[in-house]
Amino acid sequence: QVQLVESGGGSVQAGGSLRLSCAASGRTFSSDAMGWFRQAPGKEREFVAGVSWSGLATFYADSVKGRFSISRDNAKNTVYLQMNSLKPEDTAVYYCARRPRTVAVGRYEYDSWGQGTQVTVSS
């Protein structure tokens, strides 16, 4: 079983930046694909970005391409989400999740989740 803990959320103005971190423990992190999802009030949880176990393959939702960047440090068992040029519509609770080796965009393909971190972007 893996434990995931997100951090780095907060409140920023539109155009600002935040970097989220997700620390993993409890199993071999380097063999897991990691994903970031977000859920706004009244909306479904949606895929934001994913990184393969090796870090060589990354994937992004169209809504964040060119603004967000996912990366991982397997030596630190941590995955990051750098968020730039933030917009009010990015406001949501952000979750990290894991699945074996390859990235998927469907939330039900991930079997471990963190507790989430709130990101609020004001206009």
N, C-alpha and C. Protein backbone atom coordinates (compact mmCIF):
# COMPACT_ATOMS: atom_id res chain seq x y z
N GLN A 1 0.85 -1.18 0.00
CA GLN A 1 0.00 0.00 0.00
C GLN A 1 0.89 1.24 0.00
N VAL A 2 0.54 2.23 -0.78
CA VAL A 2 1.31 3.46 -0.86
C VAL A 2 0.53 4.57 -0.18
N GLN A 3 1.24 5.44 0.49
CA GLN A 3 0.64 6.64 1.07
C GLN A 3 1.13 7.85 0.29
N LEU A 4 0.20 8.72 -0.05
CA LEU A 4 0.50 9.92 -0.83
C LEU A 4 0.07 11.15 -0.05
N VAL A 5 0.96 12.13 0.03
CA VAL A 5 0.66 13.36 0.77
C VAL A 5 1.00 14.55 -0.12
N GLU A 6 -0.03 15.34 -0.46
CA GLU A 6 0.16 16.53 -1.27
C GLU A 6 0.45 17.74 -0.39
N SER A 7 1.17 18.69 -0.98
CA SER A 7 1.42 19.97 -0.31
C SER A 7 1.66 21.03 -1.37
N GLY A 8 1.65 22.29 -0.95
CA GLY A 8 1.99 23.38 -1.85
C GLY A 8 0.82 24.18 -2.36
N GLY A 9 -0.40 23.78 -2.00
CA GLY A 9 -1.55 24.55 -2.43
C GLY A 9 -1.62 25.89 -1.73
N GLY A 10 -2.52 26.74 -2.20
CA GLY A 10 -2.68 28.06 -1.58
C GLY A 10 -3.53 28.95 -2.44
N SER A 11 -3.50 30.23 -2.12
CA SER A 11 -4.28 31.22 -2.84
C SER A 11 -3.34 32.15 -3.58
N VAL A 12 -3.63 32.35 -4.87
CA VAL A 12 -2.82 33.25 -5.69
C VAL A 12 -3.75 34.07 -6.58
N GLN A 13 -3.21 35.14 -7.12
CA GLN A 13 -3.95 35.91 -8.10
C GLN A 13 -3.73 35.33 -9.50
N ALA A 14 -4.65 35.62 -10.37
CA ALA A 14 -4.53 35.17 -11.75
C ALA A 14 -3.18 35.62 -12.33
N GLY A 15 -2.56 34.70 -13.07
CA GLY A 15 -1.24 34.97 -13.62
C GLY A 15 -0.11 34.50 -12.75
N GLY A 16 -0.43 34.14 -11.52
CA GLY A 16 0.61 33.69 -10.60
C GLY A 16 0.98 32.23 -10.79
N SER A 17 1.86 31.75 -9.91
CA SER A 17 2.38 30.39 -10.00
C SER A 17 2.33 29.70 -8.64
N LEU A 18 2.21 28.39 -8.70
CA LEU A 18 2.33 27.53 -7.52
C LEU A 18 3.02 26.25 -7.94
N ARG A 19 3.71 25.62 -7.00
CA ARG A 19 4.26 24.30 -7.23
C ARG A 19 3.72 23.33 -6.19
N LEU A 20 3.02 22.33 -6.67
CA LEU A 20 2.50 21.28 -5.79
C LEU A 20 3.50 20.14 -5.71
N SER A 21 3.55 19.52 -4.54
CA SER A 21 4.39 18.35 -4.33
C SER A 21 3.52 17.20 -3.83
N CYS A 22 3.94 16.00 -4.16
CA CYS A 22 3.26 14.81 -3.67
C CYS A 22 4.34 13.82 -3.24
N ALA A 23 4.41 13.58 -1.94
CA ALA A 23 5.40 12.67 -1.38
C ALA A 23 4.79 11.29 -1.20
N ALA A 24 5.49 10.27 -1.67
CA ALA A 24 5.00 8.90 -1.60
C ALA A 24 5.82 8.08 -0.63
N SER A 25 5.16 7.17 0.03
CA SER A 25 5.85 6.25 0.94
C SER A 25 5.11 4.92 0.97
N GLY A 26 5.79 3.89 1.40
CA GLY A 26 5.14 2.61 1.64
C GLY A 26 5.33 1.55 0.58
N ARG A 27 5.85 1.91 -0.58
CA ARG A 27 6.13 0.91 -1.61
C ARG A 27 7.10 1.52 -2.60
N THR A 28 7.51 0.73 -3.59
CA THR A 28 8.48 1.20 -4.56
C THR A 28 7.86 2.26 -5.46
N PHE A 29 8.27 3.47 -5.28
CA PHE A 29 7.72 4.59 -6.03
C PHE A 29 8.17 4.58 -7.48
N SER A 30 9.38 4.16 -7.74
CA SER A 30 9.96 4.30 -9.07
C SER A 30 9.31 3.43 -10.12
N SER A 31 8.47 2.48 -9.72
CA SER A 31 7.78 1.64 -10.71
C SER A 31 6.36 2.11 -10.98
N ASP A 32 5.96 3.22 -10.36
CA ASP A 32 4.59 3.72 -10.47
C ASP A 32 4.50 4.89 -11.44
N ALA A 33 3.45 4.91 -12.24
CA ALA A 33 3.06 6.14 -12.93
C ALA A 33 2.30 7.00 -11.94
N MET A 34 2.45 8.30 -12.07
CA MET A 34 1.79 9.23 -11.16
C MET A 34 0.95 10.21 -11.95
N GLY A 35 -0.18 10.55 -11.38
CA GLY A 35 -1.07 11.51 -12.03
C GLY A 35 -1.51 12.58 -11.06
N TRP A 36 -1.81 13.73 -11.61
CA TRP A 36 -2.47 14.81 -10.87
C TRP A 36 -3.87 14.98 -11.43
N PHE A 37 -4.82 15.06 -10.55
CA PHE A 37 -6.22 15.31 -10.88
C PHE A 37 -6.68 16.53 -10.09
N ARG A 38 -7.81 17.08 -10.50
CA ARG A 38 -8.40 18.17 -9.73
C ARG A 38 -9.92 18.05 -9.75
N GLN A 39 -10.51 18.61 -8.70
CA GLN A 39 -11.96 18.58 -8.59
C GLN A 39 -12.44 19.92 -8.06
N ALA A 40 -13.22 20.59 -8.88
CA ALA A 40 -13.84 21.85 -8.48
C ALA A 40 -15.22 21.56 -7.89
N PRO A 41 -15.75 22.46 -7.07
CA PRO A 41 -17.07 22.23 -6.47
C PRO A 41 -18.13 21.94 -7.53
N GLY A 42 -18.87 20.87 -7.32
CA GLY A 42 -19.96 20.53 -8.22
C GLY A 42 -19.54 19.89 -9.53
N LYS A 43 -18.23 19.62 -9.67
CA LYS A 43 -17.75 19.04 -10.91
C LYS A 43 -17.09 17.69 -10.66
N GLU A 44 -16.92 16.93 -11.73
CA GLU A 44 -16.25 15.65 -11.64
C GLU A 44 -14.75 15.85 -11.46
N ARG A 45 -14.11 14.86 -10.84
CA ARG A 45 -12.65 14.88 -10.74
C ARG A 45 -12.09 14.64 -12.13
N GLU A 46 -11.14 15.51 -12.54
CA GLU A 46 -10.62 15.42 -13.90
C GLU A 46 -9.10 15.30 -13.92
N PHE A 47 -8.62 14.63 -14.95
CA PHE A 47 -7.19 14.46 -15.16
C PHE A 47 -6.55 15.80 -15.50
N VAL A 48 -5.38 16.05 -14.90
CA VAL A 48 -4.64 17.28 -15.19
C VAL A 48 -3.33 16.95 -15.90
N ALA A 49 -2.56 16.04 -15.30
CA ALA A 49 -1.24 15.71 -15.86
C ALA A 49 -0.80 14.36 -15.33
N GLY A 50 0.06 13.69 -16.09
CA GLY A 50 0.59 12.40 -15.66
C GLY A 50 2.02 12.22 -16.12
N VAL A 51 2.76 11.39 -15.37
CA VAL A 51 4.14 11.10 -15.72
C VAL A 51 4.37 9.61 -15.55
N SER A 52 5.07 9.01 -16.52
CA SER A 52 5.33 7.58 -16.47
C SER A 52 6.34 7.26 -15.36
N TRP A 53 6.51 5.97 -15.12
CA TRP A 53 7.39 5.54 -14.04
C TRP A 53 8.81 6.05 -14.23
N SER A 54 9.25 6.16 -15.49
CA SER A 54 10.61 6.59 -15.78
C SER A 54 10.78 8.10 -15.79
N GLY A 55 9.66 8.79 -15.91
CA GLY A 55 9.73 10.25 -16.05
C GLY A 55 9.90 10.71 -17.48
N LEU A 56 10.04 9.77 -18.41
CA LEU A 56 10.31 10.13 -19.80
C LEU A 56 9.06 10.53 -20.57
N ALA A 57 7.91 10.05 -20.13
CA ALA A 57 6.66 10.36 -20.82
C ALA A 57 5.77 11.19 -19.91
N THR A 58 5.28 12.30 -20.44
CA THR A 58 4.36 13.15 -19.71
C THR A 58 3.13 13.42 -20.55
N PHE A 59 2.02 13.66 -19.89
CA PHE A 59 0.75 13.89 -20.56
C PHE A 59 0.01 15.00 -19.83
N TYR A 60 -0.75 15.78 -20.59
CA TYR A 60 -1.45 16.92 -20.02
C TYR A 60 -2.85 17.04 -20.59
N ALA A 61 -3.76 17.52 -19.77
CA ALA A 61 -5.06 17.92 -20.27
C ALA A 61 -4.88 19.15 -21.15
N ASP A 62 -5.73 19.27 -22.15
CA ASP A 62 -5.62 20.41 -23.07
C ASP A 62 -5.71 21.74 -22.33
N SER A 63 -6.49 21.77 -21.28
CA SER A 63 -6.73 23.01 -20.56
C SER A 63 -5.50 23.54 -19.83
N VAL A 64 -4.49 22.69 -19.63
CA VAL A 64 -3.30 23.13 -18.89
C VAL A 64 -2.02 23.06 -19.71
N LYS A 65 -2.10 22.56 -20.93
CA LYS A 65 -0.90 22.45 -21.77
C LYS A 65 -0.24 23.81 -21.96
N GLY A 66 1.08 23.82 -21.81
CA GLY A 66 1.83 25.05 -21.96
C GLY A 66 1.89 25.89 -20.70
N ARG A 67 1.08 25.55 -19.69
CA ARG A 67 1.08 26.31 -18.43
C ARG A 67 1.56 25.47 -17.25
N PHE A 68 1.23 24.18 -17.25
CA PHE A 68 1.59 23.28 -16.16
C PHE A 68 2.69 22.32 -16.62
N SER A 69 3.50 21.89 -15.67
CA SER A 69 4.56 20.95 -15.97
C SER A 69 4.67 19.94 -14.84
N ILE A 70 4.64 18.65 -15.19
CA ILE A 70 4.77 17.59 -14.20
C ILE A 70 6.17 17.01 -14.27
N SER A 71 6.71 16.67 -13.11
CA SER A 71 8.02 16.05 -13.05
C SER A 71 8.08 15.16 -11.82
N ARG A 72 9.12 14.35 -11.75
CA ARG A 72 9.26 13.47 -10.61
C ARG A 72 10.74 13.33 -10.25
N ASP A 73 10.98 13.06 -8.98
CA ASP A 73 12.31 12.79 -8.47
C ASP A 73 12.21 11.45 -7.75
N ASN A 74 12.63 10.38 -8.39
CA ASN A 74 12.48 9.06 -7.79
C ASN A 74 13.38 8.87 -6.57
N ALA A 75 14.47 9.61 -6.51
CA ALA A 75 15.34 9.53 -5.33
C ALA A 75 14.66 10.10 -4.09
N LYS A 76 13.74 11.03 -4.30
CA LYS A 76 13.01 11.66 -3.19
C LYS A 76 11.59 11.13 -3.07
N ASN A 77 11.21 10.18 -3.91
CA ASN A 77 9.84 9.64 -3.89
C ASN A 77 8.80 10.76 -3.98
N THR A 78 9.03 11.71 -4.87
CA THR A 78 8.18 12.88 -4.94
C THR A 78 7.85 13.21 -6.39
N VAL A 79 6.62 13.60 -6.62
CA VAL A 79 6.20 14.11 -7.92
C VAL A 79 5.74 15.55 -7.73
N TYR A 80 5.99 16.36 -8.74
CA TYR A 80 5.70 17.79 -8.66
C TYR A 80 4.74 18.21 -9.77
N LEU A 81 4.03 19.28 -9.51
CA LEU A 81 3.22 19.92 -10.55
C LEU A 81 3.50 21.42 -10.47
N GLN A 82 4.24 21.91 -11.44
CA GLN A 82 4.51 23.34 -11.53
C GLN A 82 3.38 23.99 -12.32
N MET A 83 2.72 24.94 -11.71
CA MET A 83 1.57 25.58 -12.33
C MET A 83 1.87 27.06 -12.53
N ASN A 84 1.93 27.48 -13.77
CA ASN A 84 2.19 28.87 -14.13
C ASN A 84 0.98 29.48 -14.83
N SER A 85 0.96 30.78 -14.91
CA SER A 85 -0.13 31.50 -15.60
C SER A 85 -1.48 31.00 -15.12
N LEU A 86 -1.64 30.92 -13.84
CA LEU A 86 -2.87 30.37 -13.27
C LEU A 86 -4.08 31.24 -13.59
N LYS A 87 -5.20 30.56 -13.77
CA LYS A 87 -6.46 31.22 -14.11
C LYS A 87 -7.49 30.89 -13.02
N PRO A 88 -8.51 31.72 -12.87
CA PRO A 88 -9.55 31.41 -11.89
C PRO A 88 -10.18 30.03 -12.10
N GLU A 89 -10.27 29.59 -13.34
CA GLU A 89 -10.86 28.28 -13.60
C GLU A 89 -9.97 27.12 -13.18
N ASP A 90 -8.73 27.40 -12.75
CA ASP A 90 -7.87 26.37 -12.19
C ASP A 90 -8.18 26.11 -10.71
N THR A 91 -9.05 26.89 -10.14
CA THR A 91 -9.41 26.72 -8.74
C THR A 91 -10.05 25.36 -8.52
N ALA A 92 -9.49 24.59 -7.60
CA ALA A 92 -9.97 23.23 -7.34
C ALA A 92 -9.13 22.62 -6.22
N VAL A 93 -9.58 21.47 -5.75
CA VAL A 93 -8.73 20.63 -4.90
C VAL A 93 -7.93 19.74 -5.84
N TYR A 94 -6.62 19.72 -5.65
CA TYR A 94 -5.73 18.94 -6.49
C TYR A 94 -5.28 17.68 -5.74
N TYR A 95 -5.36 16.56 -6.45
CA TYR A 95 -5.02 15.27 -5.88
C TYR A 95 -3.92 14.61 -6.70
N CYS A 96 -3.01 13.91 -6.03
CA CYS A 96 -2.11 13.05 -6.76
C CYS A 96 -2.56 11.60 -6.57
N ALA A 97 -2.19 10.77 -7.53
CA ALA A 97 -2.61 9.37 -7.53
C ALA A 97 -1.56 8.52 -8.23
N ARG A 98 -1.59 7.21 -7.95
CA ARG A 98 -0.63 6.30 -8.56
C ARG A 98 -1.34 5.14 -9.25
N ARG A 99 -0.62 4.59 -10.23
CA ARG A 99 -1.03 3.36 -10.87
C ARG A 99 0.23 2.70 -11.40
N PRO A 100 0.18 1.42 -11.79
CA PRO A 100 1.40 0.76 -12.26
C PRO A 100 1.91 1.33 -13.58
N ARG A 101 3.11 1.72 -13.62
CA ARG A 101 3.99 2.01 -14.73
C ARG A 101 3.53 3.07 -15.73
N THR A 102 2.38 2.90 -16.38
CA THR A 102 2.01 3.81 -17.46
C THR A 102 0.87 4.73 -17.06
N VAL A 103 0.87 5.90 -17.65
CA VAL A 103 -0.13 6.92 -17.33
C VAL A 103 -1.47 6.56 -17.95
N ALA A 104 -2.54 6.86 -17.26
CA ALA A 104 -3.90 6.76 -17.79
C ALA A 104 -4.62 8.04 -17.42
N VAL A 105 -5.66 8.38 -18.18
CA VAL A 105 -6.39 9.61 -17.90
C VAL A 105 -7.65 9.38 -17.10
N GLY A 106 -8.07 8.13 -16.98
CA GLY A 106 -9.29 7.84 -16.25
C GLY A 106 -9.04 7.73 -14.76
N ARG A 107 -9.86 8.36 -13.96
CA ARG A 107 -9.62 8.38 -12.51
C ARG A 107 -9.73 6.98 -11.91
N TYR A 108 -10.55 6.12 -12.51
CA TYR A 108 -10.76 4.80 -11.94
C TYR A 108 -9.60 3.85 -12.22
N GLU A 109 -8.64 4.30 -13.01
CA GLU A 109 -7.46 3.48 -13.30
C GLU A 109 -6.37 3.67 -12.24
N TYR A 110 -6.60 4.56 -11.30
CA TYR A 110 -5.63 4.82 -10.24
C TYR A 110 -6.15 4.21 -8.94
N ASP A 111 -5.26 3.62 -8.18
CA ASP A 111 -5.73 2.88 -7.00
C ASP A 111 -5.32 3.47 -5.67
N SER A 112 -4.48 4.49 -5.67
CA SER A 112 -4.11 5.16 -4.42
C SER A 112 -4.16 6.66 -4.65
N TRP A 113 -4.69 7.37 -3.64
CA TRP A 113 -4.92 8.80 -3.76
C TRP A 113 -4.43 9.51 -2.50
N GLY A 114 -3.97 10.73 -2.69
CA GLY A 114 -3.69 11.59 -1.55
C GLY A 114 -4.96 12.25 -1.05
N GLN A 115 -4.81 13.07 -0.03
CA GLN A 115 -5.97 13.72 0.59
C GLN A 115 -6.37 15.01 -0.13
N GLY A 116 -5.50 15.51 -0.99
CA GLY A 116 -5.81 16.70 -1.76
C GLY A 116 -5.26 17.97 -1.13
N THR A 117 -5.02 18.96 -1.99
CA THR A 117 -4.58 20.28 -1.54
C THR A 117 -5.35 21.33 -2.33
N GLN A 118 -5.82 22.34 -1.62
CA GLN A 118 -6.67 23.36 -2.25
C GLN A 118 -5.83 24.40 -2.99
N VAL A 119 -6.24 24.69 -4.21
CA VAL A 119 -5.66 25.78 -5.01
C VAL A 119 -6.78 26.75 -5.34
N THR A 120 -6.60 28.01 -4.98
CA THR A 120 -7.59 29.04 -5.24
C THR A 120 -6.94 30.18 -6.01
N VAL A 121 -7.50 30.49 -7.17
CA VAL A 121 -6.96 31.54 -8.03
C VAL A 121 -8.01 32.65 -8.14
N SER A 122 -7.66 33.83 -7.72
CA SER A 122 -8.58 34.96 -7.75
C SER A 122 -8.29 35.85 -8.96
N SER A 123 -9.33 36.48 -9.45
CA SER A 123 -9.18 37.33 -10.64
C SER A 123 -8.84 38.76 -10.27
